[in-house]
C-alpha atoms as a PDB file:
ATOM      1  CA  UNK A   1     -46.634  22.107  11.754  1.00  0.00           C
ATOM      2  CA  UNK A   2     -45.999  20.629   8.471  1.00  0.00           C
ATOM      3  CA  UNK A   3     -42.112  20.880   7.570  1.00  0.00           C
ATOM      4  CA  UNK A   4     -40.651  20.541   4.049  1.00  0.00           C
ATOM      5  CA  UNK A   5     -37.030  19.863   5.264  1.00  0.00           C
ATOM      6  CA  UNK A   6     -36.003  16.497   5.562  1.00  0.00           C
ATOM      7  CA  UNK A   7     -34.560  15.413   8.796  1.00  0.00           C
ATOM      8  CA  UNK A   8     -31.409  13.047   9.109  1.00  0.00           C
ATOM      9  CA  UNK A   9     -29.795  11.452  12.189  1.00  0.00           C
ATOM     10  CA  UNK A  10     -26.267  12.687  12.837  1.00  0.00           C
ATOM     11  CA  UNK A  11     -24.446  10.045  14.982  1.00  0.00           C
ATOM     12  CA  UNK A  12     -22.206   6.982  14.615  1.00  0.00           C
ATOM     13  CA  UNK A  13     -23.996   4.611  17.173  1.00  0.00           C
ATOM     14  CA  UNK A  14     -25.824   1.813  15.163  1.00  0.00           C
ATOM     15  CA  UNK A  15     -28.207   1.187  17.875  1.00  0.00           C
ATOM     16  CA  UNK A  16     -29.208   4.722  18.083  1.00  0.00           C
ATOM     17  CA  UNK A  17     -29.583   4.816  14.432  1.00  0.00           C
ATOM     18  CA  UNK A  18     -31.765   1.926  14.416  1.00  0.00           C
ATOM     19  CA  UNK A  19     -33.858   3.402  17.276  1.00  0.00           C
ATOM     20  CA  UNK A  20     -34.709   6.749  15.560  1.00  0.00           C
ATOM     21  CA  UNK A  21     -35.271   4.680  12.230  1.00  0.00           C
ATOM     22  CA  UNK A  22     -37.955   2.643  13.992  1.00  0.00           C
ATOM     23  CA  UNK A  23     -39.872   5.781  14.923  1.00  0.00           C
ATOM     24  CA  UNK A  24     -40.012   6.707  11.284  1.00  0.00           C
ATOM     25  CA  UNK A  25     -38.828  10.366  11.757  1.00  0.00           C
ATOM     26  CA  UNK A  26     -35.530  10.375   9.862  1.00  0.00           C
ATOM     27  CA  UNK A  27     -35.015   9.991   6.044  1.00  0.00           C
ATOM     28  CA  UNK A  28     -31.181   9.529   6.164  1.00  0.00           C
ATOM     29  CA  UNK A  29     -27.994   9.566   8.448  1.00  0.00           C
ATOM     30  CA  UNK A  30     -24.728  11.393   8.555  1.00  0.00           C
ATOM     31  CA  UNK A  31     -21.543  10.647  10.378  1.00  0.00           C
ATOM     32  CA  UNK A  32     -18.179  12.221  10.875  1.00  0.00           C
ATOM     33  CA  UNK A  33     -14.839  11.259  12.523  1.00  0.00           C
ATOM     34  CA  UNK A  34     -15.580  13.249  15.617  1.00  0.00           C
ATOM     35  CA  UNK A  35     -18.745  11.330  16.078  1.00  0.00           C
ATOM     36  CA  UNK A  36     -16.905   7.827  15.499  1.00  0.00           C
ATOM     37  CA  UNK A  37     -14.318   8.657  18.119  1.00  0.00           C
ATOM     38  CA  UNK A  38     -17.174   9.510  20.523  1.00  0.00           C
ATOM     39  CA  UNK A  39     -18.959   6.378  19.582  1.00  0.00           C
ATOM     40  CA  UNK A  40     -15.801   4.147  20.155  1.00  0.00           C
ATOM     41  CA  UNK A  41     -15.711   3.004  16.472  1.00  0.00           C
ATOM     42  CA  UNK A  42     -12.518   0.863  15.793  1.00  0.00           C
ATOM     43  CA  UNK A  43     -13.019  -0.633  12.555  1.00  0.00           C
ATOM     44  CA  UNK A  44     -14.459   2.108   9.937  1.00  0.00           C
ATOM     45  CA  UNK A  45     -15.091   0.115   7.424  1.00  0.00           C
ATOM     46  CA  UNK A  46     -16.948  -2.568   9.243  1.00  0.00           C
ATOM     47  CA  UNK A  47     -19.223  -0.065  10.674  1.00  0.00           C
ATOM     48  CA  UNK A  48     -19.929   1.657   7.529  1.00  0.00           C
ATOM     49  CA  UNK A  49     -20.719  -1.869   5.718  1.00  0.00           C
ATOM     50  CA  UNK A  50     -23.137  -2.583   8.804  1.00  0.00           C
ATOM     51  CA  UNK A  51     -24.556   0.611   8.582  1.00  0.00           C
ATOM     52  CA  UNK A  52     -25.390   0.456   4.663  1.00  0.00           C
ATOM     53  CA  UNK A  53     -26.617  -3.052   5.237  1.00  0.00           C
ATOM     54  CA  UNK A  54     -29.027  -2.083   8.058  1.00  0.00           C
ATOM     55  CA  UNK A  55     -30.258   1.135   5.811  1.00  0.00           C
ATOM     56  CA  UNK A  56     -29.759   0.254   2.288  1.00  0.00           C
ATOM     57  CA  UNK A  57     -32.447   2.333   0.939  1.00  0.00           C
ATOM     58  CA  UNK A  58     -31.627   5.559   2.900  1.00  0.00           C
ATOM     59  CA  UNK A  59     -29.129   8.137   2.292  1.00  0.00           C
ATOM     60  CA  UNK A  60     -25.868   7.897   4.569  1.00  0.00           C
ATOM     61  CA  UNK A  61     -22.893   9.960   4.358  1.00  0.00           C
ATOM     62  CA  UNK A  62     -19.502   9.010   5.236  1.00  0.00           C
ATOM     63  CA  UNK A  63     -16.275  11.116   5.472  1.00  0.00           C
ATOM     64  CA  UNK A  64     -12.936  10.716   4.025  1.00  0.00           C
ATOM     65  CA  UNK A  65     -10.064  10.792   6.436  1.00  0.00           C
ATOM     66  CA  UNK A  66      -7.252  11.606   4.221  1.00  0.00           C
ATOM     67  CA  UNK A  67      -5.644  15.004   4.243  1.00  0.00           C
ATOM     68  CA  UNK A  68      -4.087  14.850   0.743  1.00  0.00           C
ATOM     69  CA  UNK A  69      -5.944  15.313  -2.505  1.00  0.00           C
ATOM     70  CA  UNK A  70      -4.760  11.865  -3.592  1.00  0.00           C
ATOM     71  CA  UNK A  71      -5.746  10.157  -0.437  1.00  0.00           C
ATOM     72  CA  UNK A  72      -9.183  11.541  -0.561  1.00  0.00           C
ATOM     73  CA  UNK A  73      -9.790  10.587  -4.067  1.00  0.00           C
ATOM     74  CA  UNK A  74      -8.703   7.067  -3.139  1.00  0.00           C
ATOM     75  CA  UNK A  75     -10.757   6.742   0.011  1.00  0.00           C
ATOM     76  CA  UNK A  76     -13.699   8.419  -1.744  1.00  0.00           C
ATOM     77  CA  UNK A  77     -13.968   5.693  -4.285  1.00  0.00           C
ATOM     78  CA  UNK A  78     -14.089   2.969  -1.537  1.00  0.00           C
ATOM     79  CA  UNK A  79     -16.672   4.563   0.379  1.00  0.00           C
ATOM     80  CA  UNK A  80     -18.952   5.183  -2.585  1.00  0.00           C
ATOM     81  CA  UNK A  81     -18.560   1.526  -3.536  1.00  0.00           C
ATOM     82  CA  UNK A  82     -20.414   0.688  -0.331  1.00  0.00           C
ATOM     83  CA  UNK A  83     -24.053   1.309  -1.749  1.00  0.00           C
ATOM     84  CA  UNK A  84     -25.848   3.563  -4.217  1.00  0.00           C
ATOM     85  CA  UNK A  85     -27.329   5.746  -1.684  1.00  0.00           C
ATOM     86  CA  UNK A  86     -23.931   6.565   0.025  1.00  0.00           C
ATOM     87  CA  UNK A  87     -22.676  10.244  -0.141  1.00  0.00           C
ATOM     88  CA  UNK A  88     -19.005  10.865   0.653  1.00  0.00           C
ATOM     89  CA  UNK A  89     -18.353  13.747   2.714  1.00  0.00           C
ATOM     90  CA  UNK A  90     -15.480  15.801   1.730  1.00  0.00           C
ATOM     91  CA  UNK A  91     -14.372  18.877   3.830  1.00  0.00           C
ATOM     92  CA  UNK A  92     -14.424  22.176   1.741  1.00  0.00           C
ATOM     93  CA  UNK A  93     -10.760  22.822   2.971  1.00  0.00           C
ATOM     94  CA  UNK A  94      -7.914  20.973   4.610  1.00  0.00           C
ATOM     95  CA  UNK A  95      -6.241  21.996   7.760  1.00  0.00           C
ATOM     96  CA  UNK A  96      -3.721  23.803   5.770  1.00  0.00           C
ATOM     97  CA  UNK A  97      -6.541  25.982   4.491  1.00  0.00           C
ATOM     98  CA  UNK A  98      -6.199  24.835   1.014  1.00  0.00           C
ATOM     99  CA  UNK A  99      -9.565  24.273  -0.551  1.00  0.00           C
ATOM    100  CA  UNK A 100     -10.724  20.784  -1.962  1.00  0.00           C
ATOM    101  CA  UNK A 101     -12.322  22.053  -4.956  1.00  0.00           C
ATOM    102  CA  UNK A 102     -10.730  19.961  -7.433  1.00  0.00           C
ATOM    103  CA  UNK A 103     -11.222  16.788  -5.245  1.00  0.00           C
ATOM    104  CA  UNK A 104     -15.014  17.475  -5.185  1.00  0.00           C
ATOM    105  CA  UNK A 105     -15.101  18.157  -8.959  1.00  0.00           C
ATOM    106  CA  UNK A 106     -13.166  15.106  -9.868  1.00  0.00           C
ATOM    107  CA  UNK A 107     -15.278  12.932  -7.603  1.00  0.00           C
ATOM    108  CA  UNK A 108     -18.545  14.662  -8.825  1.00  0.00           C
ATOM    109  CA  UNK A 109     -17.729  14.352 -12.379  1.00  0.00           C
ATOM    110  CA  UNK A 110     -16.840  10.665 -11.836  1.00  0.00           C
ATOM    111  CA  UNK A 111     -20.542  10.162 -10.568  1.00  0.00           C
ATOM    112  CA  UNK A 112     -19.685  10.198  -6.876  1.00  0.00           C
ATOM    113  CA  UNK A 113     -22.610  11.850  -4.593  1.00  0.00           C
ATOM    114  CA  UNK A 114     -20.406  14.325  -2.734  1.00  0.00           C
ATOM    115  CA  UNK A 115     -21.371  15.885   0.737  1.00  0.00           C
ATOM    116  CA  UNK A 116     -19.205  18.965   0.940  1.00  0.00           C
ATOM    117  CA  UNK A 117     -18.889  19.704   4.577  1.00  0.00           C
ATOM    118  CA  UNK A 118     -17.248  21.966   7.279  1.00  0.00           C
ATOM    119  CA  UNK A 119     -18.584  24.828   5.490  1.00  0.00           C
ATOM    120  CA  UNK A 120     -18.941  28.151   7.534  1.00  0.00           C
ATOM    121  CA  UNK A 121     -18.798  30.872   4.886  1.00  0.00           C
ATOM    122  CA  UNK A 122     -20.776  32.208   1.738  1.00  0.00           C
ATOM    123  CA  UNK A 123     -17.646  31.972  -0.344  1.00  0.00           C
ATOM    124  CA  UNK A 124     -17.216  28.398   0.586  1.00  0.00           C
ATOM    125  CA  UNK A 125     -20.658  27.736  -0.362  1.00  0.00           C
ATOM    126  CA  UNK A 126     -20.410  29.117  -3.958  1.00  0.00           C
ATOM    127  CA  UNK A 127     -17.096  27.124  -4.200  1.00  0.00           C
ATOM    128  CA  UNK A 128     -18.948  24.016  -3.320  1.00  0.00           C
ATOM    129  CA  UNK A 129     -21.715  24.490  -5.514  1.00  0.00           C
ATOM    130  CA  UNK A 130     -19.416  25.340  -8.338  1.00  0.00           C
ATOM    131  CA  UNK A 131     -17.717  22.260  -7.812  1.00  0.00           C
ATOM    132  CA  UNK A 132     -20.580  19.844  -7.981  1.00  0.00           C
ATOM    133  CA  UNK A 133     -21.632  18.245 -11.388  1.00  0.00           C
ATOM    134  CA  UNK A 134     -25.543  19.336 -11.729  1.00  0.00           C
ATOM    135  CA  UNK A 135     -26.272  16.091 -13.313  1.00  0.00           C
ATOM    136  CA  UNK A 136     -24.906  13.823 -10.400  1.00  0.00           C
ATOM    137  CA  UNK A 137     -26.003  16.555  -7.772  1.00  0.00           C
ATOM    138  CA  UNK A 138     -24.802  16.794  -4.246  1.00  0.00           C
ATOM    139  CA  UNK A 139     -25.092  18.011  -0.561  1.00  0.00           C
ATOM    140  CA  UNK A 140     -23.522  21.415   0.627  1.00  0.00           C
ATOM    141  CA  UNK A 141     -23.257  20.957   4.457  1.00  0.00           C
ATOM    142  CA  UNK A 142     -23.248  24.385   6.450  1.00  0.00           C
ATOM    143  CA  UNK A 143     -22.472  24.236   9.964  1.00  0.00           C
ATOM    144  CA  UNK A 144     -24.785  26.717  11.429  1.00  0.00           C
ATOM    145  CA  UNK A 145     -24.652  25.548  14.876  1.00  0.00           C
ATOM    146  CA  UNK A 146     -20.833  25.907  15.001  1.00  0.00           C
ATOM    147  CA  UNK A 147     -21.437  29.579  13.416  1.00  0.00           C
ATOM    148  CA  UNK A 148     -23.941  30.157  16.309  1.00  0.00           C
ATOM    149  CA  UNK A 149     -21.417  29.007  18.714  1.00  0.00           C
ATOM    150  CA  UNK A 150     -19.134  32.113  18.099  1.00  0.00           C
ATOM    151  CA  UNK A 151     -22.087  34.450  18.721  1.00  0.00           C
ATOM    152  CA  UNK A 152     -23.057  35.182  15.059  1.00  0.00           C
ATOM    153  CA  UNK A 153     -26.545  34.564  13.910  1.00  0.00           C
ATOM    154  CA  UNK A 154     -26.342  31.984  11.211  1.00  0.00           C
ATOM    155  CA  UNK A 155     -29.967  32.881   9.615  1.00  0.00           C
ATOM    156  CA  UNK A 156     -28.502  35.405   6.973  1.00  0.00           C
ATOM    157  CA  UNK A 157     -25.911  32.955   5.666  1.00  0.00           C
ATOM    158  CA  UNK A 158     -28.330  30.110   5.633  1.00  0.00           C
ATOM    159  CA  UNK A 159     -30.909  32.243   3.615  1.00  0.00           C
ATOM    160  CA  UNK A 160     -27.971  33.214   1.176  1.00  0.00           C
ATOM    161  CA  UNK A 161     -26.696  29.495   1.075  1.00  0.00           C
ATOM    162  CA  UNK A 162     -30.059  28.276  -0.096  1.00  0.00           C
ATOM    163  CA  UNK A 163     -30.159  30.689  -2.933  1.00  0.00           C
ATOM    164  CA  UNK A 164     -26.779  29.756  -3.910  1.00  0.00           C
ATOM    165  CA  UNK A 165     -27.382  26.035  -3.818  1.00  0.00           C
ATOM    166  CA  UNK A 166     -30.574  26.111  -5.412  1.00  0.00           C
ATOM    167  CA  UNK A 167     -29.182  28.097  -8.314  1.00  0.00           C
ATOM    168  CA  UNK A 168     -27.982  24.659  -9.673  1.00  0.00           C
ATOM    169  CA  UNK A 169     -29.989  21.554 -10.234  1.00  0.00           C
ATOM    170  CA  UNK A 170     -29.820  18.770  -7.718  1.00  0.00           C
ATOM    171  CA  UNK A 171     -27.861  20.591  -5.025  1.00  0.00           C
ATOM    172  CA  UNK A 172     -29.113  20.320  -1.505  1.00  0.00           C
ATOM    173  CA  UNK A 173     -28.382  22.604   1.271  1.00  0.00           C
ATOM    174  CA  UNK A 174     -27.806  20.751   4.732  1.00  0.00           C
ATOM    175  CA  UNK A 175     -27.946  22.608   7.975  1.00  0.00           C
ATOM    176  CA  UNK A 176     -25.358  20.867  10.095  1.00  0.00           C
ATOM    177  CA  UNK A 177     -24.188  20.913  13.770  1.00  0.00           C
ATOM    178  CA  UNK A 178     -27.755  21.129  15.120  1.00  0.00           C
ATOM    179  CA  UNK A 179     -27.963  22.470  18.698  1.00  0.00           C
ATOM    180  CA  UNK A 180     -31.751  22.375  19.622  1.00  0.00           C
ATOM    181  CA  UNK A 181     -35.157  21.198  18.322  1.00  0.00           C
ATOM    182  CA  UNK A 182     -35.866  24.907  17.151  1.00  0.00           C
ATOM    183  CA  UNK A 183     -33.022  24.499  14.498  1.00  0.00           C
ATOM    184  CA  UNK A 184     -35.421  22.277  12.434  1.00  0.00           C
ATOM    185  CA  UNK A 185     -37.996  25.026  12.243  1.00  0.00           C
ATOM    186  CA  UNK A 186     -35.336  27.506  11.448  1.00  0.00           C
ATOM    187  CA  UNK A 187     -33.780  25.135   8.620  1.00  0.00           C
ATOM    188  CA  UNK A 188     -37.230  24.858   7.205  1.00  0.00           C
ATOM    189  CA  UNK A 189     -37.730  28.375   7.298  1.00  0.00           C
ATOM    190  CA  UNK A 190     -34.543  29.052   5.485  1.00  0.00           C
ATOM    191  CA  UNK A 191     -35.314  26.805   2.657  1.00  0.00           C
ATOM    192  CA  UNK A 192     -32.776  24.107   3.798  1.00  0.00           C
ATOM    193  CA  UNK A 193     -33.413  20.846   1.995  1.00  0.00           C
ATOM    194  CA  UNK A 194     -31.891  18.566   5.112  1.00  0.00           C
ATOM    195  CA  UNK A 195     -31.257  18.998   8.489  1.00  0.00           C
ATOM    196  CA  UNK A 196     -28.975  16.464  10.453  1.00  0.00           C
ATOM    197  CA  UNK A 197     -29.929  16.005  14.006  1.00  0.00           C
ATOM    198  CA  UNK A 198     -28.120  14.299  17.024  1.00  0.00           C
ATOM    199  CA  UNK A 199     -30.283  11.480  18.419  1.00  0.00           C
ATOM    200  CA  UNK A 200     -30.639  13.087  21.900  1.00  0.00           C
ATOM    201  CA  UNK A 201     -32.314  16.132  20.148  1.00  0.00           C
ATOM    202  CA  UNK A 202     -34.304  13.824  17.984  1.00  0.00           C
ATOM    203  CA  UNK A 203     -35.676  12.314  21.297  1.00  0.00           C
ATOM    204  CA  UNK A 204     -37.268  15.750  21.977  1.00  0.00           C
ATOM    205  CA  UNK A 205     -39.573  15.716  18.898  1.00  0.00           C
ATOM    206  CA  UNK A 206     -42.463  14.471  20.807  1.00  0.00           C
ATOM    207  CA  UNK A 207     -42.547  17.775  22.502  1.00  0.00           C
ATOM    208  CA  UNK A 208     -42.809  19.567  19.198  1.00  0.00           C
ATOM    209  CA  UNK A 209     -45.919  21.864  19.234  1.00  0.00           C
ATOM    210  CA  UNK A 210     -46.669  21.260  22.983  1.00  0.00           C
ATOM    211  CA  UNK A 211     -48.698  24.073  24.609  1.00  0.00           C
ATOM    212  CA  UNK A 212     -46.429  26.337  26.779  1.00  0.00           C
ATOM    213  CA  UNK A 213     -48.536  26.250  29.804  1.00  0.00           C
ATOM    214  CA  UNK A 214     -48.178  22.378  29.608  1.00  0.00           C
ATOM    215  CA  UNK A 215     -44.397  22.772  29.385  1.00  0.00           C
ATOM    216  CA  UNK A 216     -44.333  24.721  32.616  1.00  0.00           C
ATOM    217  CA  UNK A 217     -46.623  22.121  34.420  1.00  0.00           C
ATOM    218  CA  UNK A 218     -44.266  19.366  33.075  1.00  0.00           C
ATOM    219  CA  UNK A 219     -41.189  21.223  34.335  1.00  0.00           C
ATOM    220  CA  UNK A 220     -42.539  21.594  37.881  1.00  0.00           C
ATOM    221  CA  UNK A 221     -43.677  18.094  37.810  1.00  0.00           C
ATOM    222  CA  UNK A 222     -40.075  17.028  37.031  1.00  0.00           C
ATOM    223  CA  UNK A 223     -38.929  19.254  40.021  1.00  0.00           C
ATOM    224  CA  UNK A 224     -41.329  17.477  42.267  1.00  0.00           C
ATOM    225  CA  UNK A 225     -40.153  14.040  41.278  1.00  0.00           C
ATOM    226  CA  UNK A 226     -36.465  14.853  41.404  1.00  0.00           C
ATOM    227  CA  UNK A 227     -36.874  16.289  45.091  1.00  0.00           C
ATOM    228  CA  UNK A 228     -38.864  13.131  46.033  1.00  0.00           C
ATOM    229  CA  UNK A 229     -36.164  10.752  44.779  1.00  0.00           C
ATOM    230  CA  UNK A 230     -33.437  12.644  46.450  1.00  0.00           C
ATOM    231  CA  UNK A 231     -35.333  12.964  49.698  1.00  0.00           C
ATOM    232  CA  UNK A 232     -34.546  16.702  50.097  1.00  0.00           C
ATOM    233  CA  UNK A 233     -36.235  18.702  52.629  1.00  0.00           C
ATOM    234  CA  UNK A 234     -35.640  22.078  54.246  1.00  0.00           C
ATOM    235  CA  UNK A 235     -36.036  22.294  57.856  1.00  0.00           C
ATOM    236  CA  UNK A 236     -38.813  25.085  58.892  1.00  0.00           C
ATOM    237  CA  UNK A 237     -38.844  24.511  62.605  1.00  0.00           C
ATOM    238  CA  UNK A 238     -37.929  27.702  64.357  1.00  0.00           C
ATOM    239  CA  UNK A 239     -37.689  29.480  61.094  1.00  0.00           C
ATOM    240  CA  UNK A 240     -38.471  33.433  61.301  1.00  0.00           C
ATOM    241  CA  UNK A 241     -41.824  34.374  60.196  1.00  0.00           C
ATOM    242  CA  UNK A 242     -42.173  35.895  56.691  1.00  0.00           C
END
């Protein structure tokens, strides 16, 4: 299957980023504070600088940490200066529930490529699009996986989000919080421009398009291998006849 959607790697482990880049399956990278915590990053700027130096020609998103407009604006300028392909991630809202539209607009008007993140509603999508400068462009990241985690189908929102994003020049829609390989197909079918995928899911891409019967055979082979390695047996001597 030929896909239009661009695939990014979502993570904060440089070794994993290098590994997926070497396979030629990704066109960019995204990170966030939670991923950095999981990766044990202790020096944010050192990590960011090394990542940009390693992938100087690919899009890479770094998120601000501040929770006030003033702090976010200051941090964003530091991050944007790291490289010409850096996108600065700014959450659509703060923990207080107040939106960051003014911050996004100020940065976008100043020429910063903003990745508006933590979006889960169509109203937030529209707010993000309206805040971005069409000449500069930007990314609107909708957390489809987190929406699905609540038992709600994210597909209608993603379709509506694509329409809203593509109504303005240079605004790209990103499918975030990917949960499975099939999300890549869904992102493509809903006209997303980008999907960001964790390395553990990217590792499953070689299975893409595999025949269903072969999947069944491979599954049983895995069972057999695990049974052999565990040394399990079920005693049958004296068992009742079936």
